[in-house]
Amino acid sequence: MQEHYYELVVNLSSHHSLFLDFLADTLPIGFEEIDSGFIIRSEDELDTIVWGLEQFAGALEKALGQNVNLECKQTKLKNSDWVEVYQNSVKSIEVDKFYIHQTWSEPSKELINIIIDPALAFGTGHHQTTASMLKAIIKCVNKTHKVLDVGCGSGILGIGALKLGAKVDACDTDQICIENSKKNAKLNNVEFENIWEGSCNLTENFYDIVIANIVADVLIFIANDLKNVLKEDGILILSGILDKYETKVLDFYKDFKIHEKTTQDEWVTIVLKKG
């Protein structure tokens, strides 16, 4: 381990989701989401990332005809400080019957505990979409169900379903997410039936419930794949949808009816059943 690392705090005035997609597509390392933007950490200087963000912000301004305020602050810190700072920044959270906590914090005595040690994969329970998905899972999932978690990230949603007694498969196109999901499942003393790197169309199974917390454009792109692995009377639980894209997404799921919809801030979670 090097003696120092670099921390880049990125504050944004708007278009948080577009910058999220940009970083997810271009960064070779993980990053942390905060209310005002992002935090990126690396043992290498992050000047190139700053330049890329500035170029992207400029391109957005031209394309949208709007001002996009971007503030980047890079700091050099000691690696020995990182673990304590990181652990203090990630807090345990209660979501309905679930209590999401880390290995270094105490479990709940009353709620269903989910241990998540966040690494590079998305999903600690703090983001609105993850919390809304967990609430929907509590309402919809039981021990009779076979569930597929598409884009499993940290594995938190699939682990939640496993804790409710369901049989769960999971997939993600990112190998880091697969490894992180396996690790977190082991921490929780549960196990995915099947977990693989790649899309959901690689399975030959059919599922009672398919869950996908992914950005709107991907939910549109994989709409047919999600439907094809769902049983005739199955349920789709979708999130990662900004409210302004809700209609656009639902246009690709017209053969389903909205069973339930939850809106938290600008994010929408939808439970769909065959019409």
Foldseek 3Di string as FASTA:
>chain_A
DDFKKKKKDKFKPDDQVVVVVVCVVPPPAAWAADPGHIMDMGRDDCPVVVVVVVVVQVVCCVVVVDHMDMDMDMDMGTPVVPVVVVQVVQQWDDQPQEIEEEPVDDADPRGHYFHADDGRFDDRCPDPQNSVLLVVLVVPAAQVWEEEEEQCTQVRNVLSNVSRNHAYEYEHQDVVRQVNNQVRCVVSVHDHPYYYHDGLLVDPAATQEYEYADAQVVLLVCVVVRVVRYDQFHKYKYWNYFQVCVVVSCVSVVQWDFPDWDDDDRIIITITGGD
